N, C-alpha and C. Protein backbone atom coordinates (compact mmCIF):
# COMPACT_ATOMS: atom_id res chain seq x y z
N MET A 1 -50.50 21.49 -67.77
CA MET A 1 -51.13 21.90 -66.27
C MET A 1 -50.34 23.06 -66.25
N THR A 2 -51.08 23.31 -65.38
CA THR A 2 -50.68 24.37 -64.05
C THR A 2 -50.44 23.92 -62.78
N LEU A 3 -49.60 25.02 -62.51
CA LEU A 3 -49.08 24.40 -60.91
C LEU A 3 -50.29 24.55 -60.24
N PRO A 4 -50.30 24.40 -59.56
CA PRO A 4 -51.74 24.69 -57.68
C PRO A 4 -51.34 26.24 -57.25
N SER A 5 -52.04 26.95 -57.02
CA SER A 5 -51.69 28.76 -56.52
C SER A 5 -52.28 28.31 -54.60
N PHE A 6 -51.34 29.03 -53.64
CA PHE A 6 -51.62 28.83 -53.38
C PHE A 6 -51.91 30.39 -52.23
N ASN A 7 -53.38 30.11 -50.81
CA ASN A 7 -52.64 31.68 -50.18
C ASN A 7 -51.55 30.95 -49.38
N ARG A 8 -50.98 32.23 -48.60
CA ARG A 8 -49.37 32.07 -47.73
C ARG A 8 -49.05 31.54 -46.48
N THR A 9 -50.82 31.04 -45.83
CA THR A 9 -50.74 30.12 -44.77
C THR A 9 -50.44 28.02 -45.96
N GLN A 10 -51.44 27.62 -46.86
CA GLN A 10 -50.98 27.25 -47.55
C GLN A 10 -49.62 26.55 -48.57
N ALA A 11 -48.95 27.97 -48.41
CA ALA A 11 -47.57 28.36 -49.09
C ALA A 11 -46.47 27.99 -47.81
N ILE A 12 -46.36 28.04 -46.68
CA ILE A 12 -45.57 27.90 -45.78
C ILE A 12 -46.05 26.67 -45.48
N LEU A 13 -46.92 25.62 -44.96
CA LEU A 13 -47.15 24.90 -44.96
C LEU A 13 -46.64 23.47 -46.10
N TRP A 14 -47.02 24.07 -47.25
CA TRP A 14 -46.36 22.99 -48.63
C TRP A 14 -44.67 23.26 -48.58
N GLY A 15 -44.37 24.45 -48.87
CA GLY A 15 -42.94 24.71 -48.32
C GLY A 15 -42.72 24.32 -47.54
N GLY A 16 -42.88 24.70 -46.32
CA GLY A 16 -42.19 23.87 -44.47
C GLY A 16 -42.02 22.19 -45.36
N PHE A 17 -43.14 21.66 -45.30
CA PHE A 17 -42.58 20.46 -45.09
C PHE A 17 -42.07 19.83 -46.07
N ALA A 18 -42.36 20.14 -47.36
CA ALA A 18 -41.62 19.53 -48.68
C ALA A 18 -39.37 20.36 -48.71
N ALA A 19 -39.49 21.09 -48.09
CA ALA A 19 -38.18 21.58 -47.25
C ALA A 19 -37.38 20.99 -46.55
N GLY A 20 -38.26 20.22 -45.49
CA GLY A 20 -38.12 19.46 -44.56
C GLY A 20 -37.94 18.28 -45.38
N PHE A 21 -38.91 17.49 -45.62
CA PHE A 21 -39.10 16.04 -46.24
C PHE A 21 -37.55 16.07 -47.31
N ILE A 22 -37.58 16.83 -48.13
CA ILE A 22 -36.63 16.12 -49.21
C ILE A 22 -35.55 16.54 -48.48
N GLU A 23 -34.81 17.71 -47.49
CA GLU A 23 -33.55 17.72 -46.92
C GLU A 23 -33.09 16.25 -46.23
N LEU A 24 -34.11 16.06 -45.37
CA LEU A 24 -34.66 14.77 -44.46
C LEU A 24 -33.44 13.82 -44.82
N MET A 25 -34.72 13.49 -45.77
CA MET A 25 -34.20 12.13 -47.25
C MET A 25 -32.59 12.31 -47.15
N ALA A 26 -32.17 13.85 -47.76
CA ALA A 26 -30.87 13.85 -48.20
C ALA A 26 -30.55 13.74 -47.62
N ILE A 27 -30.14 14.16 -46.24
CA ILE A 27 -29.68 13.65 -44.86
C ILE A 27 -29.29 12.08 -44.76
N PHE A 28 -30.20 11.84 -44.52
CA PHE A 28 -30.10 10.14 -45.08
C PHE A 28 -29.09 9.64 -45.31
N VAL A 29 -29.53 9.86 -46.06
CA VAL A 29 -28.47 9.39 -47.90
C VAL A 29 -27.34 9.16 -47.32
N ILE A 30 -27.27 10.69 -47.59
CA ILE A 30 -25.48 11.96 -46.96
C ILE A 30 -25.28 11.08 -46.29
N TRP A 31 -25.39 10.98 -44.82
CA TRP A 31 -25.20 10.74 -44.22
C TRP A 31 -24.50 9.17 -43.74
N GLN A 32 -25.79 8.45 -44.26
CA GLN A 32 -25.01 6.98 -44.18
C GLN A 32 -24.34 6.63 -45.35
N VAL A 33 -24.39 6.93 -46.03
CA VAL A 33 -23.45 6.74 -47.93
C VAL A 33 -21.73 6.99 -46.97
N PHE A 34 -21.86 8.73 -46.59
CA PHE A 34 -20.76 8.67 -46.24
C PHE A 34 -19.96 9.14 -44.78
N GLU A 35 -20.90 9.01 -44.17
CA GLU A 35 -20.13 9.21 -42.73
C GLU A 35 -20.64 7.66 -41.35
N ASN A 36 -21.39 6.59 -42.44
CA ASN A 36 -21.75 5.86 -41.44
C ASN A 36 -22.92 5.80 -41.23
N VAL A 37 -23.53 6.66 -40.48
CA VAL A 37 -24.71 7.16 -39.28
C VAL A 37 -26.10 6.79 -39.50
N PRO A 38 -26.49 6.09 -39.04
CA PRO A 38 -27.82 5.62 -39.54
C PRO A 38 -28.80 6.49 -39.05
N PRO A 39 -29.85 7.32 -39.67
CA PRO A 39 -31.18 7.79 -39.44
C PRO A 39 -31.63 8.22 -38.01
N LEU A 40 -31.40 7.48 -36.86
CA LEU A 40 -32.39 7.68 -36.16
C LEU A 40 -31.16 8.06 -35.02
N VAL A 41 -29.90 8.06 -35.10
CA VAL A 41 -28.73 8.84 -34.62
C VAL A 41 -28.90 10.54 -35.52
N ILE A 42 -28.61 10.66 -36.73
CA ILE A 42 -29.44 11.83 -37.01
C ILE A 42 -29.92 12.69 -36.54
N LEU A 43 -31.48 11.46 -36.11
CA LEU A 43 -32.09 12.71 -35.77
C LEU A 43 -32.39 12.75 -34.06
N GLN A 44 -31.56 12.18 -33.39
CA GLN A 44 -31.48 12.29 -31.84
C GLN A 44 -29.98 13.22 -32.02
N ALA A 45 -29.41 13.47 -32.71
CA ALA A 45 -28.10 14.20 -32.89
C ALA A 45 -29.02 15.90 -33.08
N VAL A 46 -30.52 16.10 -33.99
CA VAL A 46 -30.61 17.07 -33.62
C VAL A 46 -31.50 17.19 -32.78
N ALA A 47 -32.17 16.77 -31.90
CA ALA A 47 -33.01 16.31 -30.44
C ALA A 47 -31.87 17.06 -29.23
N THR A 48 -30.53 16.70 -29.73
CA THR A 48 -29.60 16.81 -28.45
C THR A 48 -29.60 18.73 -28.57
N ALA A 49 -30.12 19.14 -29.34
CA ALA A 49 -30.23 20.90 -29.35
C ALA A 49 -30.98 20.94 -28.04
N PHE A 50 -32.47 20.55 -27.29
CA PHE A 50 -32.71 20.83 -26.68
C PHE A 50 -33.14 19.50 -25.53
N MET A 51 -31.59 18.80 -25.15
CA MET A 51 -31.69 17.45 -24.65
C MET A 51 -30.42 17.38 -24.44
N GLY A 52 -29.14 18.41 -25.22
CA GLY A 52 -27.49 17.43 -24.75
C GLY A 52 -27.64 16.59 -25.31
N ASN A 53 -26.11 15.70 -24.55
CA ASN A 53 -25.81 14.47 -25.36
C ASN A 53 -26.88 13.75 -24.39
N ASP A 54 -27.22 14.04 -23.69
CA ASP A 54 -28.80 13.08 -23.07
C ASP A 54 -29.40 12.02 -24.24
N ALA A 55 -29.19 12.91 -25.30
CA ALA A 55 -30.46 12.39 -26.71
C ALA A 55 -30.29 11.20 -27.01
N TYR A 56 -28.47 10.99 -27.01
CA TYR A 56 -28.40 9.68 -27.66
C TYR A 56 -29.05 8.23 -26.71
N GLN A 57 -28.70 8.77 -25.44
CA GLN A 57 -29.26 7.34 -24.31
C GLN A 57 -31.45 7.22 -23.85
N ALA A 58 -31.95 8.06 -25.30
CA ALA A 58 -33.38 8.15 -24.94
C ALA A 58 -34.05 7.37 -25.83
N GLY A 59 -33.20 6.66 -27.04
CA GLY A 59 -34.00 6.20 -28.26
C GLY A 59 -34.51 6.29 -29.90
N ALA A 60 -35.79 6.06 -29.32
CA ALA A 60 -36.98 6.40 -30.07
C ALA A 60 -37.38 7.45 -29.78
N GLN A 61 -38.12 7.88 -28.60
CA GLN A 61 -38.52 9.28 -27.87
C GLN A 61 -37.71 10.85 -28.71
N SER A 62 -36.23 10.58 -27.83
CA SER A 62 -35.33 11.77 -28.86
C SER A 62 -35.14 11.61 -30.00
N ALA A 63 -35.24 10.57 -31.41
CA ALA A 63 -35.61 10.84 -32.21
C ALA A 63 -36.94 11.31 -32.60
N LEU A 64 -37.75 10.61 -32.28
CA LEU A 64 -39.11 12.09 -32.35
C LEU A 64 -38.75 13.03 -32.18
N LEU A 65 -38.18 13.55 -31.20
CA LEU A 65 -38.27 15.16 -30.62
C LEU A 65 -37.38 15.45 -31.75
N GLY A 66 -36.35 15.07 -32.70
CA GLY A 66 -35.53 15.57 -32.87
C GLY A 66 -36.18 15.79 -34.64
N LEU A 67 -37.14 14.99 -35.04
CA LEU A 67 -38.26 14.93 -36.51
C LEU A 67 -38.83 16.67 -35.97
N VAL A 68 -39.38 16.17 -34.97
CA VAL A 68 -40.70 17.41 -34.49
C VAL A 68 -39.80 18.73 -34.68
N LEU A 69 -38.16 18.56 -33.95
CA LEU A 69 -37.67 19.98 -34.07
C LEU A 69 -37.42 20.23 -35.47
N HIS A 70 -36.91 19.22 -35.99
CA HIS A 70 -36.39 19.48 -38.02
C HIS A 70 -37.87 19.71 -38.64
N PHE A 71 -38.60 19.78 -38.49
CA PHE A 71 -39.58 20.06 -39.00
C PHE A 71 -40.26 21.32 -39.03
N PHE A 72 -40.14 22.26 -37.51
CA PHE A 72 -40.16 22.99 -37.07
C PHE A 72 -39.83 23.90 -37.34
N VAL A 73 -38.29 23.49 -37.99
CA VAL A 73 -37.05 24.69 -38.08
C VAL A 73 -37.43 25.34 -39.99
N SER A 74 -37.62 24.34 -40.32
CA SER A 74 -38.05 24.05 -41.72
C SER A 74 -39.30 24.90 -41.67
N PHE A 75 -40.41 24.96 -41.03
CA PHE A 75 -41.61 25.81 -40.71
C PHE A 75 -41.46 26.83 -40.89
N CYS A 76 -40.05 27.37 -39.86
CA CYS A 76 -40.40 28.18 -39.59
C CYS A 76 -39.31 29.94 -40.74
N PHE A 77 -38.40 28.55 -41.57
CA PHE A 77 -37.90 29.03 -42.20
C PHE A 77 -38.83 29.47 -43.69
N ALA A 78 -39.72 29.01 -43.75
CA ALA A 78 -40.60 28.82 -45.09
C ALA A 78 -41.03 29.51 -44.09
N ALA A 79 -41.71 30.14 -43.29
CA ALA A 79 -43.04 31.30 -43.06
C ALA A 79 -41.80 32.99 -42.98
N ALA A 80 -40.82 32.53 -42.69
CA ALA A 80 -40.27 33.74 -43.06
C ALA A 80 -39.92 34.52 -44.48
N TYR A 81 -39.81 32.76 -45.32
CA TYR A 81 -39.65 33.46 -46.19
C TYR A 81 -40.92 34.31 -47.40
N VAL A 82 -41.86 33.09 -46.59
CA VAL A 82 -43.19 33.38 -47.23
C VAL A 82 -44.05 35.12 -46.80
N THR A 83 -42.90 35.73 -45.96
CA THR A 83 -43.55 36.67 -45.13
C THR A 83 -42.99 37.41 -45.62
N VAL A 84 -41.79 37.78 -45.64
CA VAL A 84 -40.49 38.43 -46.63
C VAL A 84 -41.29 39.00 -48.23
N SER A 85 -41.47 37.79 -48.84
CA SER A 85 -41.70 37.18 -50.31
C SER A 85 -43.17 38.30 -50.32
N GLY A 86 -44.17 39.26 -49.40
CA GLY A 86 -44.82 39.68 -49.20
C GLY A 86 -44.68 40.74 -50.10
N TYR A 87 -43.77 41.71 -48.93
CA TYR A 87 -42.76 42.57 -49.73
C TYR A 87 -42.43 42.85 -51.03
N VAL A 88 -41.56 41.42 -50.58
CA VAL A 88 -40.32 41.80 -51.52
C VAL A 88 -40.77 41.04 -53.06
N SER A 89 -41.14 41.58 -54.01
CA SER A 89 -41.70 40.79 -54.86
C SER A 89 -41.19 39.56 -55.67
N PRO A 90 -39.73 40.36 -56.06
CA PRO A 90 -39.08 39.13 -56.97
C PRO A 90 -38.59 37.98 -55.87
N LEU A 91 -38.54 38.15 -54.32
CA LEU A 91 -38.48 36.20 -54.12
C LEU A 91 -39.43 35.50 -54.49
N ARG A 92 -40.89 36.11 -55.09
CA ARG A 92 -41.26 35.17 -55.49
C ARG A 92 -41.95 34.86 -56.83
N LYS A 93 -41.11 36.42 -57.84
CA LYS A 93 -40.90 35.93 -59.26
C LYS A 93 -39.85 35.19 -59.72
N TYR A 94 -38.76 35.18 -58.85
CA TYR A 94 -37.91 34.23 -59.56
C TYR A 94 -37.51 33.12 -58.08
N PRO A 95 -37.93 32.59 -58.14
CA PRO A 95 -37.97 30.74 -57.15
C PRO A 95 -36.20 30.43 -57.64
N PHE A 96 -35.67 29.75 -58.94
CA PHE A 96 -34.63 29.85 -58.74
C PHE A 96 -33.52 30.64 -58.77
N ILE A 97 -33.80 31.51 -58.28
CA ILE A 97 -32.58 32.55 -57.92
C ILE A 97 -32.37 33.22 -56.56
N PHE A 98 -33.78 33.51 -55.85
CA PHE A 98 -33.99 33.72 -54.27
C PHE A 98 -33.79 32.50 -53.85
N GLY A 99 -34.31 30.76 -54.40
CA GLY A 99 -34.03 30.56 -53.40
C GLY A 99 -32.62 29.92 -53.08
N PRO A 100 -32.06 29.63 -54.06
CA PRO A 100 -30.77 29.24 -53.18
C PRO A 100 -29.92 30.19 -52.59
N LEU A 101 -29.92 30.94 -52.92
CA LEU A 101 -29.37 32.87 -52.21
C LEU A 101 -29.82 32.58 -50.69
N TYR A 102 -31.48 32.31 -50.45
CA TYR A 102 -31.66 31.56 -49.56
C TYR A 102 -31.51 30.86 -48.56
N GLY A 103 -30.95 29.46 -49.58
CA GLY A 103 -30.32 28.56 -49.01
C GLY A 103 -29.25 29.16 -47.72
N ILE A 104 -28.23 30.05 -48.65
CA ILE A 104 -27.09 30.71 -48.08
C ILE A 104 -27.58 31.26 -46.68
N VAL A 105 -28.40 31.88 -46.55
CA VAL A 105 -28.98 32.27 -45.49
C VAL A 105 -29.54 31.15 -43.96
N ALA A 106 -30.29 30.41 -44.53
CA ALA A 106 -30.99 29.46 -43.90
C ALA A 106 -29.52 29.10 -43.64
N TYR A 107 -28.39 29.04 -44.11
CA TYR A 107 -27.03 28.44 -43.81
C TYR A 107 -26.23 28.85 -42.54
N LEU A 108 -26.31 29.48 -42.71
CA LEU A 108 -25.47 31.17 -42.14
C LEU A 108 -26.42 30.88 -40.46
N VAL A 109 -27.61 31.08 -40.39
CA VAL A 109 -28.76 31.53 -40.07
C VAL A 109 -28.32 30.02 -38.77
N MET A 110 -28.39 28.93 -39.09
CA MET A 110 -28.36 27.48 -38.75
C MET A 110 -27.06 27.10 -37.76
N THR A 111 -26.00 27.96 -38.92
CA THR A 111 -24.13 27.41 -38.36
C THR A 111 -24.38 28.86 -37.32
N TYR A 112 -24.58 30.34 -37.42
CA TYR A 112 -24.07 31.44 -36.27
C TYR A 112 -24.90 31.51 -35.43
N ILE A 113 -26.68 31.18 -35.33
CA ILE A 113 -26.94 31.53 -34.45
C ILE A 113 -28.08 31.10 -33.62
N VAL A 114 -28.71 29.81 -34.52
CA VAL A 114 -29.43 28.31 -34.39
C VAL A 114 -28.57 28.00 -32.76
N VAL A 115 -28.16 26.70 -33.85
CA VAL A 115 -27.30 26.23 -33.20
C VAL A 115 -26.31 26.41 -31.99
N PRO A 116 -25.48 27.70 -31.79
CA PRO A 116 -24.84 27.65 -30.97
C PRO A 116 -25.73 28.39 -29.65
N ILE A 117 -26.87 28.67 -30.06
CA ILE A 117 -28.13 29.20 -28.82
C ILE A 117 -28.70 27.99 -29.02
N SER A 118 -28.21 26.67 -28.48
CA SER A 118 -29.00 25.35 -28.13
C SER A 118 -28.14 24.27 -27.38
N LEU A 119 -28.38 23.58 -27.11
CA LEU A 119 -27.81 22.87 -26.80
C LEU A 119 -26.93 21.74 -27.60
N ALA A 120 -26.73 21.92 -28.48
CA ALA A 120 -26.38 20.73 -30.37
C ALA A 120 -25.05 20.56 -29.70
N THR A 121 -24.93 19.00 -29.84
CA THR A 121 -23.89 18.41 -29.51
C THR A 121 -22.99 18.77 -31.41
N PHE A 122 -23.04 19.26 -32.22
CA PHE A 122 -22.80 19.61 -33.66
C PHE A 122 -22.62 21.06 -33.61
N GLY A 123 -21.98 20.74 -34.78
CA GLY A 123 -21.74 22.82 -35.21
C GLY A 123 -21.01 22.94 -36.63
N ARG A 124 -20.35 23.89 -36.07
CA ARG A 124 -19.65 24.35 -37.40
C ARG A 124 -18.68 22.74 -38.33
N PRO A 125 -19.28 22.93 -39.83
CA PRO A 125 -18.60 21.45 -40.43
C PRO A 125 -16.88 21.67 -40.11
N ASP A 126 -15.86 20.56 -40.41
CA ASP A 126 -15.01 20.06 -39.71
C ASP A 126 -14.11 20.39 -41.02
N THR A 127 -14.79 20.06 -42.13
CA THR A 127 -13.55 19.72 -43.19
C THR A 127 -14.76 20.98 -44.28
N LEU A 128 -13.13 21.04 -45.85
CA LEU A 128 -14.13 21.71 -46.68
C LEU A 128 -15.36 20.82 -47.46
N PHE A 129 -14.96 20.04 -47.02
CA PHE A 129 -15.52 18.88 -48.62
C PHE A 129 -17.30 18.99 -47.19
N SER A 130 -17.31 19.25 -45.85
CA SER A 130 -18.81 19.36 -45.19
C SER A 130 -18.97 20.16 -45.15
N LEU A 131 -18.36 21.10 -45.21
CA LEU A 131 -18.69 22.96 -45.27
C LEU A 131 -19.41 22.98 -46.81
N ALA A 132 -18.71 22.04 -48.01
CA ALA A 132 -19.97 22.48 -49.63
C ALA A 132 -20.63 21.34 -49.24
N ARG A 133 -20.79 20.57 -48.40
CA ARG A 133 -21.89 19.60 -48.57
C ARG A 133 -23.08 20.54 -47.94
N SER A 134 -22.79 20.77 -46.63
CA SER A 134 -23.84 22.00 -46.08
C SER A 134 -24.57 23.09 -46.68
N VAL A 135 -23.39 23.58 -47.14
CA VAL A 135 -23.44 25.10 -48.00
C VAL A 135 -24.58 24.55 -49.13
N LEU A 136 -24.17 23.34 -50.05
CA LEU A 136 -24.71 23.03 -50.68
C LEU A 136 -26.41 22.50 -51.37
N MET A 137 -25.99 21.60 -49.98
CA MET A 137 -27.90 20.52 -49.54
C MET A 137 -28.75 21.72 -48.83
N HIS A 138 -28.60 23.24 -48.54
CA HIS A 138 -29.41 24.42 -48.14
C HIS A 138 -29.52 24.69 -49.79
N MET A 139 -28.45 25.58 -49.98
CA MET A 139 -29.18 25.90 -51.30
C MET A 139 -29.47 25.03 -52.20
N PHE A 140 -29.87 23.69 -52.44
CA PHE A 140 -30.63 23.34 -53.39
C PHE A 140 -31.37 22.42 -53.40
N ILE A 141 -31.21 21.70 -51.82
CA ILE A 141 -32.44 21.22 -51.22
C ILE A 141 -33.34 21.81 -50.18
N PHE A 142 -33.19 22.24 -49.67
CA PHE A 142 -33.27 23.02 -49.10
C PHE A 142 -34.80 23.99 -49.06
N ALA A 143 -33.84 25.12 -49.67
CA ALA A 143 -34.72 26.49 -50.09
C ALA A 143 -35.62 26.33 -51.21
N PRO A 144 -34.74 26.10 -52.05
CA PRO A 144 -35.47 25.89 -53.77
C PRO A 144 -37.73 25.72 -53.45
N PRO A 145 -37.52 24.48 -52.32
CA PRO A 145 -39.30 24.09 -51.96
C PRO A 145 -39.73 25.49 -51.17
N ILE A 146 -39.21 25.71 -51.01
CA ILE A 146 -39.94 27.21 -50.07
C ILE A 146 -40.38 28.09 -51.37
N ALA A 147 -39.04 28.71 -51.87
CA ALA A 147 -39.54 29.83 -52.86
C ALA A 147 -40.11 29.03 -54.14
N LEU A 148 -40.04 28.03 -54.37
CA LEU A 148 -41.82 27.38 -55.15
C LEU A 148 -42.78 27.12 -54.85
N ALA A 149 -42.93 27.88 -53.37
CA ALA A 149 -44.54 27.34 -53.02
C ALA A 149 -44.43 29.09 -52.69
N ALA A 150 -43.76 29.52 -52.60
CA ALA A 150 -43.93 31.75 -52.54
C ALA A 150 -44.08 31.72 -53.72
N SER A 151 -43.48 30.79 -54.70
CA SER A 151 -43.73 31.62 -56.09
C SER A 151 -45.35 31.37 -56.73
N ARG A 152 -46.05 30.49 -55.99
CA ARG A 152 -47.68 29.89 -56.46
C ARG A 152 -48.72 30.74 -55.70
N ILE A 153 -48.10 31.89 -55.17
CA ILE A 153 -48.97 32.68 -53.53
C ILE A 153 -49.85 33.18 -54.83
N ARG A 154 -51.56 33.08 -54.47
CA ARG A 154 -52.46 33.82 -56.06
C ARG A 154 -52.04 35.65 -55.25
N ALA A 155 -52.18 36.33 -56.35
CA ALA A 155 -52.29 37.44 -55.84
C ALA A 155 -53.36 37.98 -55.15
N SER A 156 -53.22 38.70 -54.52
CA SER A 156 -54.73 39.80 -53.60
C SER A 156 -56.01 40.56 -55.17
N ARG A 157 -56.86 39.95 -54.14
CA ARG A 157 -57.63 40.51 -54.90
C ARG A 157 -58.31 41.94 -54.37
């Protein structure tokens, strides 16, 4: 069985969707198990980036906004990786090395740039366990699908 090959746009779409979906499912499970937080509240927390604490009072509408924002961010990270991988071929050649490394970059960008400039009411992890959980999720759940999609880009003729 051979894996499909993609053009750059397809790699961004597949990588962004897969990363966003897999990460979101993992977040739903992990936060339900460890923190007893339901999916609706998780998506509302994402919506606080635009709405602040009002997101928690807006019900399904803010959850939908949170879902859209989550995937928007996933597609942005996929677009960045795919674009840079066009110039730095090892990013495409070694997805199992550079995927997890990109996960660290994604974690740092989200934690120290994106979240602080938003209205988000969540921030940096407050325990070593939550820090490890966040970093490992970015390394092994979020970024690898992006790197794998980029690795499948067809060579230009």
